[in-house]
Amino acid sequence: MKIVYTLVIIGALALFALLLWWARGQVAIGSHAPKDSSNWYVQHPQHLAAENMRCWTLLRETSFADLDKVMAAHPHCHAVYEAIQEQDVTRAD
């Protein structure tokens, strides 16, 4: 019987995890892309250019050893970098 109870509990936990995963996807689909998303910057090139200048200024003032810390502290800079990479790939095609 202990095996049956264990399997029921594992199944319930798996079902709960699946439900949470599905609900997370629904929230992401229904909401607008945040400014930390590279897709948002691709759709708003004027904001991309302005934010790119801010990030470059921030990174220029940072030592090379601290670049990872700055990128972690400013996720929008990472999103800007990804958006620029996506634009470069699109232009190359």
C-alpha atoms as a PDB file:
ATOM      1  CA  MET A   1       0.000   0.000   0.000  1.00  0.00           C
ATOM      2  CA  LYS A   2       2.896   2.351   0.683  1.00  0.00           C
ATOM      3  CA  ILE A   3       3.894   2.081  -2.964  1.00  0.00           C
ATOM      4  CA  VAL A   4       0.387   3.011  -4.101  1.00  0.00           C
ATOM      5  CA  TYR A   5       0.295   6.035  -1.783  1.00  0.00           C
ATOM      6  CA  THR A   6       3.741   7.099  -2.974  1.00  0.00           C
ATOM      7  CA  LEU A   7       2.684   6.844  -6.619  1.00  0.00           C
ATOM      8  CA  VAL A   8      -0.498   8.829  -5.930  1.00  0.00           C
ATOM      9  CA  ILE A   9       1.485  11.585  -4.211  1.00  0.00           C
ATOM     10  CA  ILE A  10       4.067  11.695  -7.021  1.00  0.00           C
ATOM     11  CA  GLY A  11       1.268  11.847  -9.590  1.00  0.00           C
ATOM     12  CA  ALA A  12      -0.454  14.669  -7.722  1.00  0.00           C
ATOM     13  CA  LEU A  13       2.785  16.642  -7.510  1.00  0.00           C
ATOM     14  CA  ALA A  14       3.447  16.095 -11.209  1.00  0.00           C
ATOM     15  CA  LEU A  15      -0.083  17.215 -12.072  1.00  0.00           C
ATOM     16  CA  PHE A  16       0.319  20.308  -9.898  1.00  0.00           C
ATOM     17  CA  ALA A  17       3.666  21.144 -11.558  1.00  0.00           C
ATOM     18  CA  LEU A  18       2.108  20.682 -14.994  1.00  0.00           C
ATOM     19  CA  LEU A  19      -0.769  22.980 -14.053  1.00  0.00           C
ATOM     20  CA  LEU A  20       1.648  25.672 -12.860  1.00  0.00           C
ATOM     21  CA  TRP A  21       3.715  25.350 -16.026  1.00  0.00           C
ATOM     22  CA  TRP A  22       0.607  25.642 -18.216  1.00  0.00           C
ATOM     23  CA  ALA A  23      -0.686  28.671 -16.282  1.00  0.00           C
ATOM     24  CA  ARG A  24       2.688  30.396 -16.617  1.00  0.00           C
ATOM     25  CA  GLY A  25       2.494  30.027 -20.391  1.00  0.00           C
ATOM     26  CA  GLN A  26      -1.005  31.472 -20.461  1.00  0.00           C
ATOM     27  CA  VAL A  27       0.065  34.560 -18.524  1.00  0.00           C
ATOM     28  CA  ALA A  28       3.001  35.130 -20.866  1.00  0.00           C
ATOM     29  CA  ILE A  29       0.796  34.829 -23.953  1.00  0.00           C
ATOM     30  CA  GLY A  30      -1.843  37.210 -22.650  1.00  0.00           C
ATOM     31  CA  SER A  31       0.500  39.889 -21.413  1.00  0.00           C
ATOM     32  CA  HIS A  32       2.477  42.424 -23.382  1.00  0.00           C
ATOM     33  CA  ALA A  33       6.184  41.886 -23.837  1.00  0.00           C
ATOM     34  CA  PRO A  34       8.102  43.663 -21.099  1.00  0.00           C
ATOM     35  CA  LYS A  35      10.859  46.132 -21.855  1.00  0.00           C
ATOM     36  CA  ASP A  36      13.374  43.505 -20.738  1.00  0.00           C
ATOM     37  CA  SER A  37      12.317  41.413 -23.740  1.00  0.00           C
ATOM     38  CA  SER A  38      14.386  41.561 -26.916  1.00  0.00           C
ATOM     39  CA  ASN A  39      11.170  41.246 -28.966  1.00  0.00           C
ATOM     40  CA  TRP A  40       9.860  44.495 -27.479  1.00  0.00           C
ATOM     41  CA  TYR A  41      12.996  46.332 -28.557  1.00  0.00           C
ATOM     42  CA  VAL A  42      12.849  44.844 -32.063  1.00  0.00           C
ATOM     43  CA  GLN A  43       9.298  46.180 -32.396  1.00  0.00           C
ATOM     44  CA  HIS A  44      10.305  49.631 -31.050  1.00  0.00           C
ATOM     45  CA  PRO A  45      13.539  50.581 -32.842  1.00  0.00           C
ATOM     46  CA  GLN A  46      13.538  54.183 -31.572  1.00  0.00           C
ATOM     47  CA  HIS A  47      13.618  52.942 -27.976  1.00  0.00           C
ATOM     48  CA  LEU A  48      16.229  50.370 -28.953  1.00  0.00           C
ATOM     49  CA  ALA A  49      18.590  53.064 -30.219  1.00  0.00           C
ATOM     50  CA  ALA A  50      18.151  55.241 -27.118  1.00  0.00           C
ATOM     51  CA  GLU A  51      18.566  52.347 -24.705  1.00  0.00           C
ATOM     52  CA  ASN A  52      21.548  51.075 -26.665  1.00  0.00           C
ATOM     53  CA  MET A  53      23.312  54.413 -26.118  1.00  0.00           C
ATOM     54  CA  ARG A  54      22.539  54.293 -22.376  1.00  0.00           C
ATOM     55  CA  CYS A  55      23.867  50.750 -22.102  1.00  0.00           C
ATOM     56  CA  TRP A  56      27.017  51.555 -24.063  1.00  0.00           C
ATOM     57  CA  THR A  57      27.668  54.533 -21.795  1.00  0.00           C
ATOM     58  CA  LEU A  58      27.191  52.324 -18.753  1.00  0.00           C
ATOM     59  CA  LEU A  59      29.467  49.610 -20.137  1.00  0.00           C
ATOM     60  CA  ARG A  60      32.175  52.077 -21.170  1.00  0.00           C
ATOM     61  CA  GLU A  61      32.383  53.303 -17.583  1.00  0.00           C
ATOM     62  CA  THR A  62      32.805  49.727 -16.323  1.00  0.00           C
ATOM     63  CA  SER A  63      36.020  47.759 -16.112  1.00  0.00           C
ATOM     64  CA  PHE A  64      36.281  44.640 -18.257  1.00  0.00           C
ATOM     65  CA  ALA A  65      36.295  42.415 -15.173  1.00  0.00           C
ATOM     66  CA  ASP A  66      32.921  43.783 -14.039  1.00  0.00           C
ATOM     67  CA  LEU A  67      31.024  43.485 -17.345  1.00  0.00           C
ATOM     68  CA  ASP A  68      29.212  40.306 -16.273  1.00  0.00           C
ATOM     69  CA  LYS A  69      28.104  41.965 -13.036  1.00  0.00           C
ATOM     70  CA  VAL A  70      26.786  44.999 -14.921  1.00  0.00           C
ATOM     71  CA  MET A  71      24.901  42.840 -17.423  1.00  0.00           C
ATOM     72  CA  ALA A  72      23.375  40.839 -14.556  1.00  0.00           C
ATOM     73  CA  ALA A  73      22.393  44.017 -12.707  1.00  0.00           C
ATOM     74  CA  HIS A  74      20.866  45.579 -15.846  1.00  0.00           C
ATOM     75  CA  PRO A  75      18.860  42.902 -17.710  1.00  0.00           C
ATOM     76  CA  HIS A  76      17.524  45.501 -20.157  1.00  0.00           C
ATOM     77  CA  CYS A  77      21.072  45.905 -21.505  1.00  0.00           C
ATOM     78  CA  HIS A  78      21.177  42.189 -22.231  1.00  0.00           C
ATOM     79  CA  ALA A  79      17.784  42.434 -23.988  1.00  0.00           C
ATOM     80  CA  VAL A  80      19.066  45.360 -26.065  1.00  0.00           C
ATOM     81  CA  TYR A  81      22.132  43.336 -27.055  1.00  0.00           C
ATOM     82  CA  GLU A  82      19.940  40.387 -28.119  1.00  0.00           C
ATOM     83  CA  ALA A  83      17.596  42.669 -30.091  1.00  0.00           C
ATOM     84  CA  ILE A  84      20.525  44.181 -31.975  1.00  0.00           C
ATOM     85  CA  GLN A  85      21.816  40.691 -32.751  1.00  0.00           C
ATOM     86  CA  GLU A  86      18.359  39.724 -34.086  1.00  0.00           C
ATOM     87  CA  GLN A  87      18.291  42.828 -36.292  1.00  0.00           C
ATOM     88  CA  ASP A  88      21.760  42.038 -37.639  1.00  0.00           C
ATOM     89  CA  VAL A  89      20.683  38.498 -38.543  1.00  0.00           C
ATOM     90  CA  THR A  90      17.532  39.841 -40.240  1.00  0.00           C
ATOM     91  CA  ARG A  91      19.543  42.360 -42.275  1.00  0.00           C
ATOM     92  CA  ALA A  92      22.056  39.697 -43.300  1.00  0.00           C
ATOM     93  CA  ASP A  93      19.257  37.559 -44.763  1.00  0.00           C
END
